[in-house]
Amino acid sequence: MTVAEAFEDIAEVLAKMNPSQIIDLHAPKSMVKRVEELIYKKKDGKISAEESIELERYLTLDLLINLTKARAKRLLNA
């Protein structure tokens, strides 16, 4: 199993929990602000190793949430 397949499987399980609530998931404003800060630091070449890891974790979480929302929408439309 690849990492992408693992994400897809987890997203499918999460989406089934309550598809309507999953679709309404949004990142807190504080998280969005932090991700933007980290992205700007990375673009400017001023990001530390720790911040780079933090950014990757946020992006991984975002991927999982987006996959889950897509599955939830598919379930609601079925």
PDB file of N, CA and C in Angstrom:
ATOM      1  N   MET A   1       0.850  -1.185   0.000  1.00  0.00           N
ATOM      2  CA  MET A   1       0.000   0.000   0.000  1.00  0.00           C
ATOM      3  C   MET A   1       0.888   1.239   0.000  1.00  0.00           C
ATOM      4  N   THR A   2       0.521   2.194  -0.820  1.00  0.00           N
ATOM      5  CA  THR A   2       1.267   3.447  -0.861  1.00  0.00           C
ATOM      6  C   THR A   2       0.716   4.410   0.188  1.00  0.00           C
ATOM      7  N   VAL A   3       1.447   5.465   0.448  1.00  0.00           N
ATOM      8  CA  VAL A   3       0.977   6.493   1.373  1.00  0.00           C
ATOM      9  C   VAL A   3      -0.301   7.124   0.845  1.00  0.00           C
ATOM     10  N   ALA A   4      -0.362   7.374  -0.446  1.00  0.00           N
ATOM     11  CA  ALA A   4      -1.559   7.966  -1.048  1.00  0.00           C
ATOM     12  C   ALA A   4      -2.769   7.058  -0.852  1.00  0.00           C
ATOM     13  N   GLU A   5      -2.584   5.760  -1.020  1.00  0.00           N
ATOM     14  CA  GLU A   5      -3.681   4.818  -0.810  1.00  0.00           C
ATOM     15  C   GLU A   5      -4.118   4.794   0.649  1.00  0.00           C
ATOM     16  N   ALA A   6      -3.181   4.901   1.556  1.00  0.00           N
ATOM     17  CA  ALA A   6      -3.513   4.941   2.980  1.00  0.00           C
ATOM     18  C   ALA A   6      -4.345   6.175   3.300  1.00  0.00           C
ATOM     19  N   PHE A   7      -3.969   7.309   2.736  1.00  0.00           N
ATOM     20  CA  PHE A   7      -4.744   8.535   2.939  1.00  0.00           C
ATOM     21  C   PHE A   7      -6.154   8.373   2.398  1.00  0.00           C
ATOM     22  N   GLU A   8      -6.269   7.767   1.221  1.00  0.00           N
ATOM     23  CA  GLU A   8      -7.584   7.561   0.610  1.00  0.00           C
ATOM     24  C   GLU A   8      -8.450   6.681   1.506  1.00  0.00           C
ATOM     25  N   ASP A   9      -7.879   5.607   2.047  1.00  0.00           N
ATOM     26  CA  ASP A   9      -8.641   4.701   2.915  1.00  0.00           C
ATOM     27  C   ASP A   9      -9.111   5.406   4.182  1.00  0.00           C
ATOM     28  N   ILE A  10      -8.241   6.172   4.792  1.00  0.00           N
ATOM     29  CA  ILE A  10      -8.602   6.902   6.010  1.00  0.00           C
ATOM     30  C   ILE A  10      -9.657   7.950   5.705  1.00  0.00           C
ATOM     31  N   ALA A  11      -9.504   8.652   4.608  1.00  0.00           N
ATOM     32  CA  ALA A  11     -10.480   9.666   4.209  1.00  0.00           C
ATOM     33  C   ALA A  11     -11.858   9.035   4.008  1.00  0.00           C
ATOM     34  N   GLU A  12     -11.885   7.855   3.421  1.00  0.00           N
ATOM     35  CA  GLU A  12     -13.154   7.160   3.178  1.00  0.00           C
ATOM     36  C   GLU A  12     -13.846   6.829   4.502  1.00  0.00           C
ATOM     37  N   VAL A  13     -13.103   6.324   5.457  1.00  0.00           N
ATOM     38  CA  VAL A  13     -13.673   5.988   6.769  1.00  0.00           C
ATOM     39  C   VAL A  13     -14.173   7.240   7.476  1.00  0.00           C
ATOM     40  N   LEU A  14     -13.389   8.283   7.484  1.00  0.00           N
ATOM     41  CA  LEU A  14     -13.786   9.528   8.153  1.00  0.00           C
ATOM     42  C   LEU A  14     -15.025  10.144   7.504  1.00  0.00           C
ATOM     43  N   ALA A  15     -15.092  10.100   6.189  1.00  0.00           N
ATOM     44  CA  ALA A  15     -16.213  10.704   5.467  1.00  0.00           C
ATOM     45  C   ALA A  15     -17.533  10.038   5.822  1.00  0.00           C
ATOM     46  N   LYS A  16     -17.499   8.760   6.123  1.00  0.00           N
ATOM     47  CA  LYS A  16     -18.713   8.019   6.448  1.00  0.00           C
ATOM     48  C   LYS A  16     -19.253   8.353   7.841  1.00  0.00           C
ATOM     49  N   MET A  17     -18.435   8.939   8.690  1.00  0.00           N
ATOM     50  CA  MET A  17     -18.859   9.228  10.054  1.00  0.00           C
ATOM     51  C   MET A  17     -20.046  10.187  10.089  1.00  0.00           C
ATOM     52  N   ASN A  18     -19.956  11.276   9.395  1.00  0.00           N
ATOM     53  CA  ASN A  18     -21.057  12.223   9.270  1.00  0.00           C
ATOM     54  C   ASN A  18     -20.741  13.131   8.089  1.00  0.00           C
ATOM     55  N   PRO A  19     -21.105  12.695   6.885  1.00  0.00           N
ATOM     56  CA  PRO A  19     -20.721  13.438   5.685  1.00  0.00           C
ATOM     57  C   PRO A  19     -21.082  14.921   5.706  1.00  0.00           C
ATOM     58  N   SER A  20     -22.239  15.263   6.241  1.00  0.00           N
ATOM     59  CA  SER A  20     -22.659  16.674   6.268  1.00  0.00           C
ATOM     60  C   SER A  20     -21.715  17.521   7.111  1.00  0.00           C
ATOM     61  N   GLN A  21     -21.307  17.005   8.254  1.00  0.00           N
ATOM     62  CA  GLN A  21     -20.386  17.750   9.111  1.00  0.00           C
ATOM     63  C   GLN A  21     -18.993  17.808   8.511  1.00  0.00           C
ATOM     64  N   ILE A  22     -18.582  16.742   7.853  1.00  0.00           N
ATOM     65  CA  ILE A  22     -17.250  16.709   7.234  1.00  0.00           C
ATOM     66  C   ILE A  22     -17.130  17.799   6.179  1.00  0.00           C
ATOM     67  N   ILE A  23     -18.166  17.962   5.374  1.00  0.00           N
ATOM     68  CA  ILE A  23     -18.130  18.972   4.311  1.00  0.00           C
ATOM     69  C   ILE A  23     -17.961  20.375   4.885  1.00  0.00           C
ATOM     70  N   ASP A  24     -18.479  20.602   6.081  1.00  0.00           N
ATOM     71  CA  ASP A  24     -18.402  21.922   6.713  1.00  0.00           C
ATOM     72  C   ASP A  24     -17.094  22.181   7.455  1.00  0.00           C
ATOM     73  N   LEU A  25     -16.178  21.222   7.453  1.00  0.00           N
ATOM     74  CA  LEU A  25     -14.894  21.414   8.135  1.00  0.00           C
ATOM     75  C   LEU A  25     -14.109  22.565   7.516  1.00  0.00           C
ATOM     76  N   HIS A  26     -13.594  23.427   8.365  1.00  0.00           N
ATOM     77  CA  HIS A  26     -12.721  24.512   7.921  1.00  0.00           C
ATOM     78  C   HIS A  26     -11.596  24.674   8.939  1.00  0.00           C
ATOM     79  N   ALA A  27     -10.442  25.005   8.448  1.00  0.00           N
ATOM     80  CA  ALA A  27      -9.306  25.236   9.338  1.00  0.00           C
ATOM     81  C   ALA A  27      -9.543  26.500  10.152  1.00  0.00           C
ATOM     82  N   PRO A  28      -9.122  26.488  11.412  1.00  0.00           N
ATOM     83  CA  PRO A  28      -9.228  27.705  12.217  1.00  0.00           C
ATOM     84  C   PRO A  28      -8.390  28.826  11.597  1.00  0.00           C
ATOM     85  N   LYS A  29      -8.824  30.061  11.790  1.00  0.00           N
ATOM     86  CA  LYS A  29      -8.112  31.213  11.221  1.00  0.00           C
ATOM     87  C   LYS A  29      -6.664  31.267  11.688  1.00  0.00           C
ATOM     88  N   SER A  30      -6.434  30.870  12.934  1.00  0.00           N
ATOM     89  CA  SER A  30      -5.059  30.896  13.447  1.00  0.00           C
ATOM     90  C   SER A  30      -4.167  29.920  12.686  1.00  0.00           C
ATOM     91  N   MET A  31      -4.716  28.785  12.294  1.00  0.00           N
ATOM     92  CA  MET A  31      -3.941  27.814  11.530  1.00  0.00           C
ATOM     93  C   MET A  31      -3.663  28.330  10.127  1.00  0.00           C
ATOM     94  N   VAL A  32      -4.663  28.922   9.505  1.00  0.00           N
ATOM     95  CA  VAL A  32      -4.489  29.487   8.162  1.00  0.00           C
ATOM     96  C   VAL A  32      -3.397  30.558   8.186  1.00  0.00           C
ATOM     97  N   LYS A  33      -3.444  31.398   9.198  1.00  0.00           N
ATOM     98  CA  LYS A  33      -2.445  32.467   9.329  1.00  0.00           C
ATOM     99  C   LYS A  33      -1.041  31.878   9.480  1.00  0.00           C
ATOM    100  N   ARG A  34      -0.920  30.841  10.304  1.00  0.00           N
ATOM    101  CA  ARG A  34       0.392  30.234  10.528  1.00  0.00           C
ATOM    102  C   ARG A  34       0.922  29.590   9.242  1.00  0.00           C
ATOM    103  N   VAL A  35       0.064  28.906   8.519  1.00  0.00           N
ATOM    104  CA  VAL A  35       0.485  28.279   7.264  1.00  0.00           C
ATOM    105  C   VAL A  35       0.947  29.343   6.277  1.00  0.00           C
ATOM    106  N   GLU A  36       0.211  30.446   6.185  1.00  0.00           N
ATOM    107  CA  GLU A  36       0.614  31.536   5.290  1.00  0.00           C
ATOM    108  C   GLU A  36       1.988  32.079   5.686  1.00  0.00           C
ATOM    109  N   GLU A  37       2.209  32.261   6.986  1.00  0.00           N
ATOM    110  CA  GLU A  37       3.516  32.747   7.458  1.00  0.00           C
ATOM    111  C   GLU A  37       4.630  31.795   7.029  1.00  0.00           C
ATOM    112  N   LEU A  38       4.384  30.503   7.216  1.00  0.00           N
ATOM    113  CA  LEU A  38       5.398  29.511   6.869  1.00  0.00           C
ATOM    114  C   LEU A  38       5.659  29.472   5.365  1.00  0.00           C
ATOM    115  N   ILE A  39       4.614  29.608   4.577  1.00  0.00           N
ATOM    116  CA  ILE A  39       4.778  29.616   3.117  1.00  0.00           C
ATOM    117  C   ILE A  39       5.608  30.816   2.677  1.00  0.00           C
ATOM    118  N   TYR A  40       5.315  31.991   3.244  1.00  0.00           N
ATOM    119  CA  TYR A  40       6.105  33.180   2.896  1.00  0.00           C
ATOM    120  C   TYR A  40       7.564  33.015   3.306  1.00  0.00           C
ATOM    121  N   LYS A  41       7.792  32.424   4.481  1.00  0.00           N
ATOM    122  CA  LYS A  41       9.178  32.185   4.916  1.00  0.00           C
ATOM    123  C   LYS A  41       9.888  31.243   3.942  1.00  0.00           C
ATOM    124  N   LYS A  42       9.179  30.219   3.517  1.00  0.00           N
ATOM    125  CA  LYS A  42       9.786  29.254   2.597  1.00  0.00           C
ATOM    126  C   LYS A  42      10.115  29.923   1.266  1.00  0.00           C
ATOM    127  N   LYS A  43       9.184  30.732   0.750  1.00  0.00           N
ATOM    128  CA  LYS A  43       9.420  31.433  -0.518  1.00  0.00           C
ATOM    129  C   LYS A  43      10.606  32.377  -0.417  1.00  0.00           C
ATOM    130  N   ASP A  44      10.775  32.993   0.768  1.00  0.00           N
ATOM    131  CA  ASP A  44      11.885  33.927   0.974  1.00  0.00           C
ATOM    132  C   ASP A  44      13.182  33.218   1.343  1.00  0.00           C
ATOM    133  N   GLY A  45      13.137  31.904   1.506  1.00  0.00           N
ATOM    134  CA  GLY A  45      14.320  31.144   1.877  1.00  0.00           C
ATOM    135  C   GLY A  45      14.741  31.360   3.315  1.00  0.00           C
ATOM    136  N   LYS A  46      13.787  31.764   4.163  1.00  0.00           N
ATOM    137  CA  LYS A  46      14.100  32.061   5.565  1.00  0.00           C
ATOM    138  C   LYS A  46      13.432  31.085   6.534  1.00  0.00           C
ATOM    139  N   ILE A  47      13.054  29.915   6.056  1.00  0.00           N
ATOM    140  CA  ILE A  47      12.366  28.946   6.903  1.00  0.00           C
ATOM    141  C   ILE A  47      13.387  28.024   7.573  1.00  0.00           C
ATOM    142  N   SER A  48      13.177  27.775   8.852  1.00  0.00           N
ATOM    143  CA  SER A  48      14.077  26.879   9.584  1.00  0.00           C
ATOM    144  C   SER A  48      13.674  25.431   9.317  1.00  0.00           C
ATOM    145  N   ALA A  49      14.523  24.504   9.715  1.00  0.00           N
ATOM    146  CA  ALA A  49      14.225  23.080   9.527  1.00  0.00           C
ATOM    147  C   ALA A  49      12.961  22.697  10.293  1.00  0.00           C
ATOM    148  N   GLU A  50      12.830  23.207  11.513  1.00  0.00           N
ATOM    149  CA  GLU A  50      11.651  22.904  12.334  1.00  0.00           C
ATOM    150  C   GLU A  50      10.376  23.460  11.691  1.00  0.00           C
ATOM    151  N   GLU A  51      10.476  24.667  11.166  1.00  0.00           N
ATOM    152  CA  GLU A  51       9.322  25.283  10.508  1.00  0.00           C
ATOM    153  C   GLU A  51       8.961  24.546   9.222  1.00  0.00           C
ATOM    154  N   SER A  52       9.946  24.042   8.530  1.00  0.00           N
ATOM    155  CA  SER A  52       9.698  23.280   7.315  1.00  0.00           C
ATOM    156  C   SER A  52       8.929  22.000   7.628  1.00  0.00           C
ATOM    157  N   ILE A  53       9.309  21.339   8.701  1.00  0.00           N
ATOM    158  CA  ILE A  53       8.590  20.138   9.142  1.00  0.00           C
ATOM    159  C   ILE A  53       7.169  20.501   9.551  1.00  0.00           C
ATOM    160  N   GLU A  54       7.017  21.604  10.265  1.00  0.00           N
ATOM    161  CA  GLU A  54       5.691  22.069  10.674  1.00  0.00           C
ATOM    162  C   GLU A  54       4.809  22.325   9.450  1.00  0.00           C
ATOM    163  N   LEU A  55       5.356  22.991   8.441  1.00  0.00           N
ATOM    164  CA  LEU A  55       4.608  23.279   7.225  1.00  0.00           C
ATOM    165  C   LEU A  55       4.189  21.987   6.534  1.00  0.00           C
ATOM    166  N   GLU A  56       5.086  21.031   6.431  1.00  0.00           N
ATOM    167  CA  GLU A  56       4.764  19.753   5.800  1.00  0.00           C
ATOM    168  C   GLU A  56       3.636  19.049   6.543  1.00  0.00           C
ATOM    169  N   ARG A  57       3.633  19.146   7.858  1.00  0.00           N
ATOM    170  CA  ARG A  57       2.561  18.514   8.642  1.00  0.00           C
ATOM    171  C   ARG A  57       1.222  19.188   8.385  1.00  0.00           C
ATOM    172  N   TYR A  58       1.228  20.510   8.307  1.00  0.00           N
ATOM    173  CA  TYR A  58      -0.013  21.224   7.991  1.00  0.00           C
ATOM    174  C   TYR A  58      -0.512  20.843   6.595  1.00  0.00           C
ATOM    175  N   LEU A  59       0.390  20.744   5.641  1.00  0.00           N
ATOM    176  CA  LEU A  59       0.002  20.399   4.272  1.00  0.00           C
ATOM    177  C   LEU A  59      -0.524  18.970   4.185  1.00  0.00           C
ATOM    178  N   THR A  60       0.057  18.080   4.973  1.00  0.00           N
ATOM    179  CA  THR A  60      -0.426  16.703   5.029  1.00  0.00           C
ATOM    180  C   THR A  60      -1.831  16.656   5.612  1.00  0.00           C
ATOM    181  N   LEU A  61      -2.056  17.404   6.668  1.00  0.00           N
ATOM    182  CA  LEU A  61      -3.381  17.482   7.277  1.00  0.00           C
ATOM    183  C   LEU A  61      -4.388  18.051   6.279  1.00  0.00           C
ATOM    184  N   ASP A  62      -3.991  19.064   5.549  1.00  0.00           N
ATOM    185  CA  ASP A  62      -4.868  19.669   4.541  1.00  0.00           C
ATOM    186  C   ASP A  62      -5.243  18.652   3.462  1.00  0.00           C
ATOM    187  N   LEU A  63      -4.287  17.849   3.043  1.00  0.00           N
ATOM    188  CA  LEU A  63      -4.552  16.811   2.047  1.00  0.00           C
ATOM    189  C   LEU A  63      -5.587  15.826   2.573  1.00  0.00           C
ATOM    190  N   LEU A  64      -5.411  15.373   3.799  1.00  0.00           N
ATOM    191  CA  LEU A  64      -6.351  14.423   4.382  1.00  0.00           C
ATOM    192  C   LEU A  64      -7.758  15.026   4.488  1.00  0.00           C
ATOM    193  N   ILE A  65      -7.843  16.256   4.918  1.00  0.00           N
ATOM    194  CA  ILE A  65      -9.152  16.907   5.044  1.00  0.00           C
ATOM    195  C   ILE A  65      -9.815  17.051   3.674  1.00  0.00           C
ATOM    196  N   ASN A  66      -9.066  17.451   2.671  1.00  0.00           N
ATOM    197  CA  ASN A  66      -9.638  17.608   1.324  1.00  0.00           C
ATOM    198  C   ASN A  66     -10.100  16.279   0.739  1.00  0.00           C
ATOM    199  N   LEU A  67      -9.327  15.222   0.955  1.00  0.00           N
ATOM    200  CA  LEU A  67      -9.748  13.904   0.491  1.00  0.00           C
ATOM    201  C   LEU A  67     -11.024  13.467   1.198  1.00  0.00           C
ATOM    202  N   THR A  68     -11.091  13.711   2.498  1.00  0.00           N
ATOM    203  CA  THR A  68     -12.260  13.330   3.283  1.00  0.00           C
ATOM    204  C   THR A  68     -13.498  14.102   2.828  1.00  0.00           C
ATOM    205  N   LYS A  69     -13.330  15.392   2.584  1.00  0.00           N
ATOM    206  CA  LYS A  69     -14.457  16.200   2.109  1.00  0.00           C
ATOM    207  C   LYS A  69     -14.945  15.715   0.745  1.00  0.00           C
ATOM    208  N   ALA A  70     -14.035  15.354  -0.125  1.00  0.00           N
ATOM    209  CA  ALA A  70     -14.419  14.844  -1.442  1.00  0.00           C
ATOM    210  C   ALA A  70     -15.210  13.553  -1.311  1.00  0.00           C
ATOM    211  N   ARG A  71     -14.781  12.667  -0.425  1.00  0.00           N
ATOM    212  CA  ARG A  71     -15.498  11.413  -0.203  1.00  0.00           C
ATOM    213  C   ARG A  71     -16.875  11.693   0.397  1.00  0.00           C
ATOM    214  N   ALA A  72     -16.949  12.621   1.326  1.00  0.00           N
ATOM    215  CA  ALA A  72     -18.224  12.947   1.957  1.00  0.00           C
ATOM    216  C   ALA A  72     -19.209  13.500   0.928  1.00  0.00           C
ATOM    217  N   LYS A  73     -18.737  14.352   0.043  1.00  0.00           N
ATOM    218  CA  LYS A  73     -19.599  14.896  -1.014  1.00  0.00           C
ATOM    219  C   LYS A  73     -20.103  13.780  -1.917  1.00  0.00           C
ATOM    220  N   ARG A  74     -19.230  12.851  -2.236  1.00  0.00           N
ATOM    221  CA  ARG A  74     -19.622  11.732  -3.088  1.00  0.00           C
ATOM    222  C   ARG A  74     -20.694  10.893  -2.388  1.00  0.00           C
ATOM    223  N   LEU A  75     -20.535  10.653  -1.091  1.00  0.00           N
ATOM    224  CA  LEU A  75     -21.521   9.880  -0.338  1.00  0.00           C
ATOM    225  C   LEU A  75     -22.884  10.591  -0.305  1.00  0.00           C
ATOM    226  N   LEU A  76     -22.864  11.881  -0.114  1.00  0.00           N
ATOM    227  CA  LEU A  76     -24.122  12.641  -0.049  1.00  0.00           C
ATOM    228  C   LEU A  76     -24.822  12.695  -1.401  1.00  0.00           C
ATOM    229  N   ASN A  77     -24.049  12.668  -2.477  1.00  0.00           N
ATOM    230  CA  ASN A  77     -24.632  12.732  -3.814  1.00  0.00           C
ATOM    231  C   ASN A  77     -25.074  11.367  -4.341  1.00  0.00           C
ATOM    232  N   ALA A  78     -24.695  10.308  -3.643  1.00  0.00           N
ATOM    233  CA  ALA A  78     -25.037   8.944  -4.095  1.00  0.00           C
ATOM    234  C   ALA A  78     -26.478   8.598  -3.765  1.00  0.00           C
TER     235      ALA A  78
END
